[in-house]
């Protein structure tokens, strides 16, 4: 039984690491887009620092991911209303 629990823990850690890596990749893509398309706002709101902190802080990363999620799926939610 201990072997199964140990394997599950390792699998969960691996899945969690993959999720974090994908979150960071998405944040990097969004940051690149904002730098290119919304540079004044990006600089004014010091988003470079926010994205850098989010790479190392789980709570900040979660907040940014929630904002990205709302932004990406906002159009779908509005379309589903009609």
PDB file of N, CA and C in Angstrom:
ATOM      1  N   UNK A   1       0.824  -1.209   0.000  1.00  0.00           N
ATOM      2  CA  UNK A   1       0.000   0.000   0.000  1.00  0.00           C
ATOM      3  C   UNK A   1       0.862   1.264   0.000  1.00  0.00           C
ATOM      4  N   UNK A   2       1.962   1.244   0.758  1.00  0.00           N
ATOM      5  CA  UNK A   2       2.823   2.424   0.807  1.00  0.00           C
ATOM      6  C   UNK A   2       3.398   2.750  -0.565  1.00  0.00           C
ATOM      7  N   UNK A   3       3.730   1.711  -1.335  1.00  0.00           N
ATOM      8  CA  UNK A   3       4.255   1.920  -2.682  1.00  0.00           C
ATOM      9  C   UNK A   3       3.266   2.626  -3.584  1.00  0.00           C
ATOM     10  N   UNK A   4       1.977   2.255  -3.472  1.00  0.00           N
ATOM     11  CA  UNK A   4       0.939   2.887  -4.290  1.00  0.00           C
ATOM     12  C   UNK A   4       0.784   4.350  -3.910  1.00  0.00           C
ATOM     13  N   UNK A   5       0.789   4.633  -2.606  1.00  0.00           N
ATOM     14  CA  UNK A   5       0.652   6.016  -2.145  1.00  0.00           C
ATOM     15  C   UNK A   5       1.842   6.839  -2.619  1.00  0.00           C
ATOM     16  N   UNK A   6       3.036   6.267  -2.522  1.00  0.00           N
ATOM     17  CA  UNK A   6       4.230   6.979  -2.968  1.00  0.00           C
ATOM     18  C   UNK A   6       4.148   7.285  -4.463  1.00  0.00           C
ATOM     19  N   UNK A   7       3.698   6.312  -5.254  1.00  0.00           N
ATOM     20  CA  UNK A   7       3.554   6.532  -6.697  1.00  0.00           C
ATOM     21  C   UNK A   7       2.517   7.610  -6.997  1.00  0.00           C
ATOM     22  N   UNK A   8       1.395   7.596  -6.250  1.00  0.00           N
ATOM     23  CA  UNK A   8       0.368   8.621  -6.447  1.00  0.00           C
ATOM     24  C   UNK A   8       0.922  10.001  -6.121  1.00  0.00           C
ATOM     25  N   UNK A   9       1.681  10.101  -5.033  1.00  0.00           N
ATOM     26  CA  UNK A   9       2.268  11.385  -4.667  1.00  0.00           C
ATOM     27  C   UNK A   9       3.209  11.882  -5.760  1.00  0.00           C
ATOM     28  N   UNK A  10       4.027  10.982  -6.297  1.00  0.00           N
ATOM     29  CA  UNK A  10       4.944  11.367  -7.374  1.00  0.00           C
ATOM     30  C   UNK A  10       4.179  11.794  -8.622  1.00  0.00           C
ATOM     31  N   UNK A  11       3.098  11.077  -8.960  1.00  0.00           N
ATOM     32  CA  UNK A  11       2.281  11.435 -10.121  1.00  0.00           C
ATOM     33  C   UNK A  11       1.632  12.796  -9.919  1.00  0.00           C
ATOM     34  N   UNK A  12       1.110  13.046  -8.710  1.00  0.00           N
ATOM     35  CA  UNK A  12       0.485  14.337  -8.417  1.00  0.00           C
ATOM     36  C   UNK A  12       1.496  15.470  -8.525  1.00  0.00           C
ATOM     37  N   UNK A  13       2.716  15.243  -8.025  1.00  0.00           N
ATOM     38  CA  UNK A  13       3.758  16.268  -8.123  1.00  0.00           C
ATOM     39  C   UNK A  13       4.107  16.538  -9.580  1.00  0.00           C
ATOM     40  N   UNK A  14       4.178  15.470 -10.378  1.00  0.00           N
ATOM     41  CA  UNK A  14       4.510  15.625 -11.792  1.00  0.00           C
ATOM     42  C   UNK A  14       3.416  16.396 -12.518  1.00  0.00           C
ATOM     43  N   UNK A  15       2.157  16.062 -12.236  1.00  0.00           N
ATOM     44  CA  UNK A  15       1.030  16.764 -12.853  1.00  0.00           C
ATOM     45  C   UNK A  15       1.043  18.227 -12.433  1.00  0.00           C
ATOM     46  N   UNK A  16       1.283  18.495 -11.145  1.00  0.00           N
ATOM     47  CA  UNK A  16       1.316  19.860 -10.640  1.00  0.00           C
ATOM     48  C   UNK A  16       2.438  20.653 -11.309  1.00  0.00           C
ATOM     49  N   UNK A  17       3.606  20.045 -11.469  1.00  0.00           N
ATOM     50  CA  UNK A  17       4.732  20.716 -12.128  1.00  0.00           C
ATOM     51  C   UNK A  17       4.396  21.040 -13.579  1.00  0.00           C
ATOM     52  N   UNK A  18       3.739  20.118 -14.266  1.00  0.00           N
ATOM     53  CA  UNK A  18       3.349  20.360 -15.657  1.00  0.00           C
ATOM     54  C   UNK A  18       2.355  21.513 -15.740  1.00  0.00           C
ATOM     55  N   UNK A  19       1.400  21.558 -14.805  1.00  0.00           N
ATOM     56  CA  UNK A  19       0.403  22.631 -14.790  1.00  0.00           C
ATOM     57  C   UNK A  19       1.081  23.973 -14.555  1.00  0.00           C
ATOM     58  N   UNK A  20       1.990  24.016 -13.596  1.00  0.00           N
ATOM     59  CA  UNK A  20       2.702  25.262 -13.310  1.00  0.00           C
ATOM     60  C   UNK A  20       3.481  25.713 -14.543  1.00  0.00           C
ATOM     61  N   UNK A  21       4.156  24.775 -15.195  1.00  0.00           N
ATOM     62  CA  UNK A  21       4.933  25.102 -16.390  1.00  0.00           C
ATOM     63  C   UNK A  21       4.023  25.658 -17.487  1.00  0.00           C
ATOM     64  N   UNK A  22       2.864  25.047 -17.687  1.00  0.00           N
ATOM     65  CA  UNK A  22       1.928  25.522 -18.709  1.00  0.00           C
ATOM     66  C   UNK A  22       1.364  26.891 -18.338  1.00  0.00           C
ATOM     67  N   UNK A  23       1.081  27.097 -17.049  1.00  0.00           N
ATOM     68  CA  UNK A  23       0.614  28.410 -16.598  1.00  0.00           C
ATOM     69  C   UNK A  23       1.654  29.482 -16.917  1.00  0.00           C
ATOM     70  N   UNK A  24       2.914  29.178 -16.624  1.00  0.00           N
ATOM     71  CA  UNK A  24       3.988  30.142 -16.868  1.00  0.00           C
ATOM     72  C   UNK A  24       4.153  30.397 -18.363  1.00  0.00           C
ATOM     73  N   UNK A  25       4.016  29.359 -19.172  1.00  0.00           N
ATOM     74  CA  UNK A  25       4.079  29.544 -20.634  1.00  0.00           C
ATOM     75  C   UNK A  25       2.962  30.467 -21.115  1.00  0.00           C
ATOM     76  N   UNK A  26       1.755  30.257 -20.602  1.00  0.00           N
ATOM     77  CA  UNK A  26       0.623  31.099 -20.993  1.00  0.00           C
ATOM     78  C   UNK A  26       0.850  32.538 -20.534  1.00  0.00           C
ATOM     79  N   UNK A  27       1.314  32.702 -19.296  1.00  0.00           N
ATOM     80  CA  UNK A  27       1.589  34.049 -18.797  1.00  0.00           C
ATOM     81  C   UNK A  27       2.642  34.738 -19.664  1.00  0.00           C
ATOM     82  N   UNK A  28       3.658  33.999 -20.080  1.00  0.00           N
ATOM     83  CA  UNK A  28       4.701  34.575 -20.930  1.00  0.00           C
ATOM     84  C   UNK A  28       4.110  35.031 -22.267  1.00  0.00           C
ATOM     85  N   UNK A  29       3.234  34.221 -22.835  1.00  0.00           N
ATOM     86  CA  UNK A  29       2.597  34.583 -24.107  1.00  0.00           C
ATOM     87  C   UNK A  29       1.737  35.835 -23.951  1.00  0.00           C
ATOM     88  N   UNK A  30       0.969  35.897 -22.873  1.00  0.00           N
ATOM     89  CA  UNK A  30       0.116  37.064 -22.625  1.00  0.00           C
ATOM     90  C   UNK A  30       0.991  38.297 -22.393  1.00  0.00           C
ATOM     91  N   UNK A  31       2.052  38.126 -21.618  1.00  0.00           N
ATOM     92  CA  UNK A  31       2.960  39.247 -21.363  1.00  0.00           C
ATOM     93  C   UNK A  31       3.571  39.757 -22.675  1.00  0.00           C
ATOM     94  N   UNK A  32       3.999  38.855 -23.524  1.00  0.00           N
ATOM     95  CA  UNK A  32       4.576  39.249 -24.822  1.00  0.00           C
ATOM     96  C   UNK A  32       3.558  40.012 -25.661  1.00  0.00           C
ATOM     97  N   UNK A  33       2.326  39.528 -25.665  1.00  0.00           N
ATOM     98  CA  UNK A  33       1.264  40.210 -26.405  1.00  0.00           C
ATOM     99  C   UNK A  33       1.041  41.620 -25.847  1.00  0.00           C
ATOM    100  N   UNK A  34       0.944  41.721 -24.520  1.00  0.00           N
ATOM    101  CA  UNK A  34       0.703  43.026 -23.905  1.00  0.00           C
ATOM    102  C   UNK A  34       1.845  43.996 -24.180  1.00  0.00           C
ATOM    103  N   UNK A  35       3.076  43.494 -24.132  1.00  0.00           N
ATOM    104  CA  UNK A  35       4.243  44.337 -24.430  1.00  0.00           C
ATOM    105  C   UNK A  35       4.169  44.884 -25.850  1.00  0.00           C
ATOM    106  N   UNK A  36       3.730  44.053 -26.768  1.00  0.00           N
ATOM    107  CA  UNK A  36       3.697  44.432 -28.177  1.00  0.00           C
ATOM    108  C   UNK A  36       2.499  45.317 -28.500  1.00  0.00           C
ATOM    109  N   UNK A  37       1.337  44.930 -28.032  1.00  0.00           N
ATOM    110  CA  UNK A  37       0.095  45.595 -28.436  1.00  0.00           C
ATOM    111  C   UNK A  37      -0.374  46.698 -27.487  1.00  0.00           C
ATOM    112  N   UNK A  38       0.054  46.644 -26.241  1.00  0.00           N
ATOM    113  CA  UNK A  38      -0.433  47.598 -25.232  1.00  0.00           C
ATOM    114  C   UNK A  38       0.740  48.130 -24.408  1.00  0.00           C
ATOM    115  N   UNK A  39       1.802  48.540 -25.078  1.00  0.00           N
ATOM    116  CA  UNK A  39       3.052  48.857 -24.385  1.00  0.00           C
ATOM    117  C   UNK A  39       2.886  49.952 -23.333  1.00  0.00           C
ATOM    118  N   UNK A  40       2.172  51.019 -23.655  1.00  0.00           N
ATOM    119  CA  UNK A  40       2.009  52.119 -22.694  1.00  0.00           C
ATOM    120  C   UNK A  40       1.333  51.633 -21.419  1.00  0.00           C
ATOM    121  N   UNK A  41       0.279  50.868 -21.568  1.00  0.00           N
ATOM    122  CA  UNK A  41      -0.431  50.329 -20.410  1.00  0.00           C
ATOM    123  C   UNK A  41       0.440  49.328 -19.651  1.00  0.00           C
ATOM    124  N   UNK A  42       1.179  48.511 -20.397  1.00  0.00           N
ATOM    125  CA  UNK A  42       2.090  47.524 -19.806  1.00  0.00           C
ATOM    126  C   UNK A  42       3.109  48.223 -18.909  1.00  0.00           C
ATOM    127  N   UNK A  43       3.706  49.298 -19.419  1.00  0.00           N
ATOM    128  CA  UNK A  43       4.708  50.049 -18.651  1.00  0.00           C
ATOM    129  C   UNK A  43       4.058  50.803 -17.490  1.00  0.00           C
ATOM    130  N   UNK A  44       2.961  51.474 -17.769  1.00  0.00           N
ATOM    131  CA  UNK A  44       2.281  52.301 -16.763  1.00  0.00           C
ATOM    132  C   UNK A  44       1.865  51.473 -15.549  1.00  0.00           C
ATOM    133  N   UNK A  45       1.414  50.248 -15.789  1.00  0.00           N
ATOM    134  CA  UNK A  45       0.928  49.391 -14.706  1.00  0.00           C
ATOM    135  C   UNK A  45       1.988  48.449 -14.152  1.00  0.00           C
ATOM    136  N   UNK A  46       3.239  48.632 -14.599  1.00  0.00           N
ATOM    137  CA  UNK A  46       4.377  47.846 -14.105  1.00  0.00           C
ATOM    138  C   UNK A  46       4.104  46.341 -14.189  1.00  0.00           C
ATOM    139  N   UNK A  47       3.572  45.920 -15.321  1.00  0.00           N
ATOM    140  CA  UNK A  47       3.200  44.516 -15.491  1.00  0.00           C
ATOM    141  C   UNK A  47       4.408  43.593 -15.584  1.00  0.00           C
ATOM    142  N   UNK A  48       5.549  44.126 -16.023  1.00  0.00           N
ATOM    143  CA  UNK A  48       6.752  43.295 -16.081  1.00  0.00           C
ATOM    144  C   UNK A  48       7.061  42.724 -14.700  1.00  0.00           C
ATOM    145  N   UNK A  49       7.005  43.582 -13.695  1.00  0.00           N
ATOM    146  CA  UNK A  49       7.287  43.139 -12.325  1.00  0.00           C
ATOM    147  C   UNK A  49       6.216  42.158 -11.846  1.00  0.00           C
ATOM    148  N   UNK A  50       4.959  42.427 -12.165  1.00  0.00           N
ATOM    149  CA  UNK A  50       3.873  41.541 -11.740  1.00  0.00           C
ATOM    150  C   UNK A  50       4.038  40.146 -12.333  1.00  0.00           C
ATOM    151  N   UNK A  51       4.366  40.077 -13.616  1.00  0.00           N
ATOM    152  CA  UNK A  51       4.554  38.774 -14.252  1.00  0.00           C
ATOM    153  C   UNK A  51       5.782  38.060 -13.695  1.00  0.00           C
ATOM    154  N   UNK A  52       6.832  38.809 -13.400  1.00  0.00           N
ATOM    155  CA  UNK A  52       8.044  38.199 -12.842  1.00  0.00           C
ATOM    156  C   UNK A  52       7.761  37.616 -11.454  1.00  0.00           C
ATOM    157  N   UNK A  53       7.047  38.354 -10.625  1.00  0.00           N
ATOM    158  CA  UNK A  53       6.693  37.865  -9.285  1.00  0.00           C
ATOM    159  C   UNK A  53       5.806  36.630  -9.398  1.00  0.00           C
ATOM    160  N   UNK A  54       4.883  36.648 -10.339  1.00  0.00           N
ATOM    161  CA  UNK A  54       3.939  35.532 -10.502  1.00  0.00           C
ATOM    162  C   UNK A  54       4.637  34.227 -10.850  1.00  0.00           C
ATOM    163  N   UNK A  55       5.791  34.303 -11.489  1.00  0.00           N
ATOM    164  CA  UNK A  55       6.523  33.083 -11.835  1.00  0.00           C
ATOM    165  C   UNK A  55       7.014  32.347 -10.597  1.00  0.00           C
ATOM    166  N   UNK A  56       7.124  33.068  -9.478  1.00  0.00           N
ATOM    167  CA  UNK A  56       7.679  32.478  -8.262  1.00  0.00           C
ATOM    168  C   UNK A  56       6.699  32.455  -7.091  1.00  0.00           C
ATOM    169  N   UNK A  57       5.564  33.108  -7.242  1.00  0.00           N
ATOM    170  CA  UNK A  57       4.595  33.212  -6.152  1.00  0.00           C
ATOM    171  C   UNK A  57       3.274  32.584  -6.598  1.00  0.00           C
ATOM    172  N   UNK A  58       2.923  31.477  -5.955  1.00  0.00           N
ATOM    173  CA  UNK A  58       1.719  30.734  -6.353  1.00  0.00           C
ATOM    174  C   UNK A  58       0.449  31.574  -6.281  1.00  0.00           C
ATOM    175  N   UNK A  59       0.302  32.389  -5.239  1.00  0.00           N
ATOM    176  CA  UNK A  59      -0.944  33.148  -5.086  1.00  0.00           C
ATOM    177  C   UNK A  59      -1.068  34.226  -6.163  1.00  0.00           C
ATOM    178  N   UNK A  60       0.041  34.880  -6.491  1.00  0.00           N
ATOM    179  CA  UNK A  60       0.007  35.891  -7.554  1.00  0.00           C
ATOM    180  C   UNK A  60      -0.230  35.228  -8.903  1.00  0.00           C
ATOM    181  N   UNK A  61       0.420  34.084  -9.132  1.00  0.00           N
ATOM    182  CA  UNK A  61       0.220  33.354 -10.386  1.00  0.00           C
ATOM    183  C   UNK A  61      -1.252  32.967 -10.532  1.00  0.00           C
ATOM    184  N   UNK A  62      -1.866  32.501  -9.459  1.00  0.00           N
ATOM    185  CA  UNK A  62      -3.275  32.120  -9.510  1.00  0.00           C
ATOM    186  C   UNK A  62      -4.151  33.322  -9.857  1.00  0.00           C
ATOM    187  N   UNK A  63      -3.857  34.472  -9.268  1.00  0.00           N
ATOM    188  CA  UNK A  63      -4.631  35.678  -9.572  1.00  0.00           C
ATOM    189  C   UNK A  63      -4.498  36.063 -11.046  1.00  0.00           C
ATOM    190  N   UNK A  64      -3.267  36.030 -11.548  1.00  0.00           N
ATOM    191  CA  UNK A  64      -3.057  36.376 -12.956  1.00  0.00           C
ATOM    192  C   UNK A  64      -3.743  35.366 -13.865  1.00  0.00           C
ATOM    193  N   UNK A  65      -3.657  34.084 -13.518  1.00  0.00           N
ATOM    194  CA  UNK A  65      -4.314  33.062 -14.332  1.00  0.00           C
ATOM    195  C   UNK A  65      -5.828  33.251 -14.322  1.00  0.00           C
ATOM    196  N   UNK A  66      -6.392  33.656 -13.196  1.00  0.00           N
ATOM    197  CA  UNK A  66      -7.834  33.926 -13.134  1.00  0.00           C
ATOM    198  C   UNK A  66      -8.208  35.099 -14.035  1.00  0.00           C
ATOM    199  N   UNK A  67      -7.375  36.133 -14.037  1.00  0.00           N
ATOM    200  CA  UNK A  67      -7.629  37.293 -14.894  1.00  0.00           C
ATOM    201  C   UNK A  67      -7.543  36.892 -16.364  1.00  0.00           C
ATOM    202  N   UNK A  68      -6.514  36.121 -16.708  1.00  0.00           N
ATOM    203  CA  UNK A  68      -6.361  35.651 -18.093  1.00  0.00           C
ATOM    204  C   UNK A  68      -7.561  34.797 -18.487  1.00  0.00           C
ATOM    205  N   UNK A  69      -7.978  33.917 -17.593  1.00  0.00           N
ATOM    206  CA  UNK A  69      -9.126  33.043 -17.858  1.00  0.00           C
ATOM    207  C   UNK A  69     -10.387  33.869 -18.121  1.00  0.00           C
ATOM    208  N   UNK A  70     -10.631  34.865 -17.277  1.00  0.00           N
ATOM    209  CA  UNK A  70     -11.807  35.720 -17.466  1.00  0.00           C
ATOM    210  C   UNK A  70     -11.728  36.453 -18.802  1.00  0.00           C
ATOM    211  N   UNK A  71     -10.553  36.955 -19.130  1.00  0.00           N
ATOM    212  CA  UNK A  71     -10.361  37.694 -20.373  1.00  0.00           C
ATOM    213  C   UNK A  71     -10.568  36.799 -21.591  1.00  0.00           C
ATOM    214  N   UNK A  72      -9.983  35.612 -21.570  1.00  0.00           N
ATOM    215  CA  UNK A  72     -10.070  34.706 -22.718  1.00  0.00           C
ATOM    216  C   UNK A  72     -11.476  34.177 -22.943  1.00  0.00           C
ATOM    217  N   UNK A  73     -12.185  33.920 -21.874  1.00  0.00           N
ATOM    218  CA  UNK A  73     -13.494  33.295 -22.009  1.00  0.00           C
ATOM    219  C   UNK A  73     -14.638  34.283 -21.890  1.00  0.00           C
ATOM    220  N   UNK A  74     -14.331  35.563 -21.786  1.00  0.00           N
ATOM    221  CA  UNK A  74     -15.362  36.586 -21.682  1.00  0.00           C
ATOM    222  C   UNK A  74     -16.264  36.581 -22.914  1.00  0.00           C
ATOM    223  N   UNK A  75     -15.684  36.519 -24.104  1.00  0.00           N
ATOM    224  CA  UNK A  75     -16.479  36.505 -25.333  1.00  0.00           C
ATOM    225  C   UNK A  75     -17.382  35.283 -25.402  1.00  0.00           C
ATOM    226  N   UNK A  76     -16.868  34.118 -25.010  1.00  0.00           N
ATOM    227  CA  UNK A  76     -17.683  32.899 -25.028  1.00  0.00           C
ATOM    228  C   UNK A  76     -18.855  33.016 -24.075  1.00  0.00           C
ATOM    229  N   UNK A  77     -18.624  33.579 -22.894  1.00  0.00           N
ATOM    230  CA  UNK A  77     -19.708  33.735 -21.930  1.00  0.00           C
ATOM    231  C   UNK A  77     -20.763  34.694 -22.460  1.00  0.00           C
ATOM    232  N   UNK A  78     -20.333  35.757 -23.131  1.00  0.00           N
ATOM    233  CA  UNK A  78     -21.296  36.705 -23.683  1.00  0.00           C
ATOM    234  C   UNK A  78     -22.080  36.085 -24.834  1.00  0.00           C
ATOM    235  N   UNK A  79     -21.420  35.283 -25.666  1.00  0.00           N
ATOM    236  CA  UNK A  79     -22.107  34.625 -26.781  1.00  0.00           C
ATOM    237  C   UNK A  79     -23.141  33.632 -26.274  1.00  0.00           C
ATOM    238  N   UNK A  80     -22.821  32.948 -25.173  1.00  0.00           N
ATOM    239  CA  UNK A  80     -23.744  31.959 -24.624  1.00  0.00           C
ATOM    240  C   UNK A  80     -24.974  32.612 -24.007  1.00  0.00           C
ATOM    241  N   UNK A  81     -24.894  33.906 -23.726  1.00  0.00           N
ATOM    242  CA  UNK A  81     -26.028  34.595 -23.127  1.00  0.00           C
ATOM    243  C   UNK A  81     -27.129  34.828 -24.157  1.00  0.00           C
ATOM    244  N   UNK A  82     -26.798  34.853 -25.429  1.00  0.00           N
ATOM    245  CA  UNK A  82     -27.787  35.185 -26.459  1.00  0.00           C
ATOM    246  C   UNK A  82     -28.357  33.982 -27.104  1.00  0.00           C
TER     247      UNK A  82
END
